[in-house]
Amino acid sequence: MLQEFLQADAVQLDCVHDGGEAVERLAQACFDVVLLDVMLPTLDGYAVLHALRTQALSMPVLMLSARGAEDDRIMGLEAGADDYLPKPFNPRELRARLFAMLRRGLRPAAEAPAPEPVLSLDGLRLLPGRALAAIGEMTVALTAAEARILEALMRAPNRPVSRAQLTRWGLGRALLPADRSLDTHVSNLRRKLGLDGVRGGVPVLRSARGVGYVLHAAGPQRDGAEVPA
């Protein structure tokens, strides 16, 4: 049913119904976006996602699951999903989220590739187009959503960026009530890149009370910023 619904929008689909086969297919081809169900035979969606991220593949992943509890959504995002949609869902919402991911990942064929930008802040460097970040000699593969959130924060150093703006920029959709997806992505960035203030000489990613998040240049803690959770 989902395949028929999406084909009406002229989306080219490659459908796989087994987790083990999905891992093999993802290793052989590059897709613009991956729509991944948790409940799959052979390997479940979490195992498929782990294999995908272990191979340092930054394809955006929208995860589907009948388990819609907050802990399950957090588990999917922490495993490397860019977004998570619990069942049952409105097919129009699925289409909207899917096309938001596609719009952020596709370049018009006639557009000449521009030189790849590199963002730098203290000891942190980001290649947004490749979803790669570097701290010193360490290179870290990010998910597409993590890379976009970090890019937004790096383009506004020392200035709070609202949760609504970060959700719109990073996930391609509006911030929903009780939506904690952004917080999980931020927690992943702190963990992967050591942006928790423990390591010296690198930026610190903090929450801005009542606003969103702020990426501080390396240095002493600023007044009015919360200590990262």
Protein backbone atom coordinates (compact mmCIF):
# COMPACT_ATOMS: atom_id res chain seq x y z
CA MET A 1 0.00 0.00 0.00
CA LEU A 2 2.83 2.40 0.85
CA GLN A 3 4.58 1.58 -2.41
CA GLU A 4 1.45 2.33 -4.42
CA PHE A 5 0.90 5.58 -2.53
CA LEU A 6 4.43 6.89 -3.16
CA GLN A 7 4.60 5.77 -6.77
CA ALA A 8 1.80 8.22 -7.51
CA ASP A 9 4.38 10.96 -6.90
CA ALA A 10 6.80 9.45 -9.45
CA VAL A 11 9.21 8.33 -6.74
CA GLN A 12 11.57 5.61 -7.93
CA LEU A 13 11.37 2.91 -5.27
CA ASP A 14 13.54 -0.10 -4.51
CA CYS A 15 11.56 -2.24 -2.06
CA VAL A 16 13.18 -4.85 0.18
CA HIS A 17 11.23 -6.85 2.76
CA ASP A 18 14.07 -8.57 4.63
CA GLY A 19 16.62 -6.90 6.93
CA GLY A 20 19.56 -9.02 5.78
CA GLU A 21 18.82 -8.30 2.13
CA ALA A 22 18.45 -4.60 2.96
CA VAL A 23 21.98 -4.46 4.42
CA GLU A 24 23.36 -6.02 1.24
CA ARG A 25 21.41 -3.64 -1.02
CA LEU A 26 22.49 -0.56 0.94
CA ALA A 27 26.13 -1.60 0.65
CA GLN A 28 25.84 -1.90 -3.13
CA ALA A 29 23.90 1.23 -4.09
CA CYS A 30 23.43 4.83 -2.98
CA PHE A 31 19.90 6.02 -2.27
CA ASP A 32 18.58 9.55 -1.79
CA VAL A 33 16.61 8.51 1.29
CA VAL A 34 15.91 5.28 3.19
CA LEU A 35 12.46 4.49 4.58
CA LEU A 36 13.15 1.85 7.22
CA ASP A 37 10.65 -0.20 9.22
CA VAL A 38 11.69 -1.58 12.61
CA MET A 39 9.84 -4.90 12.26
CA LEU A 40 11.68 -6.89 9.58
CA PRO A 41 12.56 -10.58 9.26
CA THR A 42 16.18 -11.79 9.60
CA LEU A 43 17.48 -8.43 10.91
CA ASP A 44 15.27 -5.77 12.47
CA GLY A 45 15.43 -2.10 11.51
CA TYR A 46 17.79 -1.18 14.33
CA ALA A 47 20.32 -3.77 13.13
CA VAL A 48 19.99 -2.53 9.55
CA LEU A 49 20.50 1.06 10.71
CA HIS A 50 23.55 0.06 12.78
CA ALA A 51 25.07 -1.67 9.74
CA LEU A 52 24.36 1.39 7.59
CA ARG A 53 26.04 3.80 10.02
CA THR A 54 28.94 1.42 10.71
CA GLN A 55 29.76 1.66 7.00
CA ALA A 56 29.87 5.48 7.49
CA LEU A 57 27.01 5.91 5.00
CA SER A 58 25.19 9.20 5.58
CA MET A 59 22.02 8.41 3.60
CA PRO A 60 19.10 10.09 5.38
CA VAL A 61 16.90 7.56 7.18
CA LEU A 62 13.23 7.93 8.12
CA MET A 63 12.33 5.18 10.56
CA LEU A 64 8.85 3.66 10.95
CA SER A 65 7.65 1.68 13.94
CA ALA A 66 4.43 0.56 15.57
CA ARG A 67 6.21 1.23 18.85
CA GLY A 68 5.60 4.93 19.30
CA ALA A 69 6.68 5.36 22.91
CA GLU A 70 9.22 8.11 23.58
CA ASP A 71 11.93 5.60 24.55
CA ASP A 72 11.51 3.78 21.22
CA ARG A 73 11.75 7.03 19.27
CA ILE A 74 14.87 8.02 21.17
CA MET A 75 16.38 4.59 20.54
CA GLY A 76 15.87 5.01 16.79
CA LEU A 77 17.35 8.51 16.73
CA GLU A 78 20.31 7.49 18.88
CA ALA A 79 20.94 4.58 16.52
CA GLY A 80 21.39 7.08 13.68
CA ALA A 81 17.93 7.73 12.20
CA ASP A 82 17.33 11.25 10.92
CA ASP A 83 13.63 11.19 11.75
CA TYR A 84 11.10 8.79 13.28
CA LEU A 85 7.42 8.33 12.49
CA PRO A 86 5.28 6.07 14.73
CA LYS A 87 2.45 3.94 13.32
CA PRO A 88 -0.34 4.49 12.60
CA PHE A 89 0.50 7.61 10.61
CA ASN A 90 -1.17 9.78 8.03
CA PRO A 91 0.33 8.93 4.60
CA ARG A 92 0.37 12.64 3.78
CA GLU A 93 2.62 13.29 6.79
CA LEU A 94 4.93 10.50 5.62
CA ARG A 95 5.05 12.05 2.15
CA ALA A 96 5.76 15.50 3.61
CA ARG A 97 8.65 14.25 5.76
CA LEU A 98 10.05 12.11 2.95
CA PHE A 99 10.00 14.94 0.42
CA ALA A 100 11.55 17.34 2.93
CA MET A 101 14.48 14.92 3.18
CA LEU A 102 14.68 14.57 -0.59
CA ARG A 103 14.65 18.33 -1.18
CA ARG A 104 17.59 18.78 1.17
CA GLY A 105 19.60 16.01 -0.45
CA LEU A 106 19.07 16.62 -4.17
CA ARG A 107 20.83 19.11 -6.47
CA PRO A 108 19.32 20.11 -9.84
CA ALA A 109 21.05 18.20 -12.63
CA ALA A 110 21.92 21.38 -14.54
CA GLU A 111 23.54 23.02 -11.54
CA ALA A 112 27.30 22.82 -11.58
CA PRO A 113 28.81 21.42 -8.38
CA ALA A 114 30.23 24.18 -6.21
CA PRO A 115 33.43 23.80 -4.21
CA GLU A 116 32.69 21.90 -1.05
CA PRO A 117 32.37 24.33 1.87
CA VAL A 118 34.23 23.71 5.11
CA LEU A 119 32.97 25.34 8.30
CA SER A 120 35.45 25.86 11.14
CA LEU A 121 35.09 26.95 14.74
CA ASP A 122 38.11 26.55 17.01
CA GLY A 123 39.12 22.89 16.77
CA LEU A 124 35.87 21.81 15.10
CA ARG A 125 35.52 21.45 11.32
CA LEU A 126 32.45 20.41 9.33
CA LEU A 127 31.96 19.35 5.72
CA PRO A 128 28.16 19.74 5.47
CA GLY A 129 27.82 18.15 2.04
CA ARG A 130 29.52 14.94 3.17
CA ALA A 131 28.13 14.91 6.74
CA LEU A 132 31.66 14.65 8.14
CA ALA A 133 33.02 16.47 11.17
CA ALA A 134 36.56 16.58 12.51
CA ILE A 135 37.94 17.32 15.95
CA GLY A 136 41.72 17.48 15.81
CA GLU A 137 42.86 14.32 14.02
CA MET A 138 39.55 12.52 14.62
CA THR A 139 37.00 12.37 11.78
CA VAL A 140 33.41 11.49 12.66
CA ALA A 141 30.59 10.47 10.32
CA LEU A 142 27.32 12.24 11.14
CA THR A 143 23.79 11.58 10.02
CA ALA A 144 22.34 14.06 7.54
CA ALA A 145 20.16 15.61 10.26
CA GLU A 146 23.07 15.90 12.70
CA ALA A 147 25.19 17.60 10.05
CA ARG A 148 22.48 20.15 9.23
CA ILE A 149 21.85 20.95 12.90
CA LEU A 150 25.57 21.39 13.53
CA GLU A 151 25.86 23.56 10.41
CA ALA A 152 23.10 25.86 11.65
CA LEU A 153 24.80 26.22 15.03
CA MET A 154 28.26 26.79 13.50
CA ARG A 155 26.88 29.54 11.27
CA ALA A 156 25.66 31.37 14.39
CA PRO A 157 28.47 30.87 16.92
CA ASN A 158 27.81 32.18 20.45
CA ARG A 159 24.21 33.02 19.49
CA PRO A 160 21.17 30.95 20.57
CA VAL A 161 19.28 29.24 17.76
CA SER A 162 15.66 28.39 18.50
CA ARG A 163 14.36 24.84 18.67
CA ALA A 164 11.88 25.70 15.91
CA GLN A 165 14.64 26.93 13.59
CA LEU A 166 16.86 23.93 14.27
CA THR A 167 14.00 21.48 13.71
CA ARG A 168 13.03 23.18 10.47
CA TRP A 169 16.63 23.30 9.23
CA GLY A 170 17.75 19.89 10.49
CA LEU A 171 14.64 17.76 10.01
CA GLY A 172 12.86 19.73 7.31
CA ARG A 173 9.62 20.06 9.24
CA ALA A 174 7.90 22.16 11.87
CA LEU A 175 8.53 21.58 15.57
CA LEU A 176 5.72 19.43 16.99
CA PRO A 177 4.38 19.56 20.56
CA ALA A 178 6.34 17.29 22.93
CA ASP A 179 8.78 16.50 20.08
CA ARG A 180 12.15 15.48 21.54
CA SER A 181 13.83 14.47 18.28
CA LEU A 182 16.00 17.58 18.20
CA ASP A 183 17.22 17.00 21.77
CA THR A 184 18.30 13.47 20.87
CA HIS A 185 20.23 14.69 17.82
CA VAL A 186 21.95 17.35 19.95
CA SER A 187 22.83 14.72 22.57
CA ASN A 188 24.34 12.58 19.80
CA LEU A 189 26.46 15.52 18.58
CA ARG A 190 27.78 16.16 22.08
CA ARG A 191 28.66 12.50 22.51
CA LYS A 192 30.24 11.97 19.09
CA LEU A 193 32.27 15.18 19.03
CA GLY A 194 32.96 15.82 22.70
CA LEU A 195 31.11 19.14 22.72
CA ASP A 196 30.07 18.76 26.36
CA GLY A 197 32.65 21.14 27.81
CA VAL A 198 34.86 18.44 29.28
CA ARG A 199 37.49 18.65 26.57
CA GLY A 200 39.38 21.92 26.25
CA GLY A 201 40.08 23.79 23.03
CA VAL A 202 36.84 22.81 21.26
CA PRO A 203 33.41 24.50 21.12
CA VAL A 204 30.79 23.72 23.75
CA LEU A 205 27.20 22.89 22.78
CA ARG A 206 24.82 24.14 25.47
CA SER A 207 21.11 24.60 25.89
CA ALA A 208 19.81 28.17 25.93
CA ARG A 209 17.04 28.39 28.50
CA GLY A 210 13.64 28.95 26.92
CA VAL A 211 15.12 29.32 23.41
CA GLY A 212 17.01 26.36 22.00
CA TYR A 213 20.73 25.67 21.71
CA VAL A 214 23.94 27.65 21.30
CA LEU A 215 27.42 26.59 20.17
CA HIS A 216 29.99 28.53 22.17
CA ALA A 217 33.50 29.07 20.92
CA ALA A 218 36.10 27.47 23.18
CA GLY A 219 36.58 29.46 26.36
CA PRO A 220 35.00 30.03 29.75
CA GLN A 221 31.33 29.31 30.28
CA ARG A 222 29.02 32.21 29.39
CA ASP A 223 26.48 33.66 31.79
CA GLY A 224 22.91 32.48 31.32
CA ALA A 225 23.82 29.20 29.58
CA GLU A 226 22.82 25.90 31.09
CA VAL A 227 25.25 23.10 31.66
CA PRO A 228 24.59 20.37 29.06
CA ALA A 229 22.38 17.54 30.24
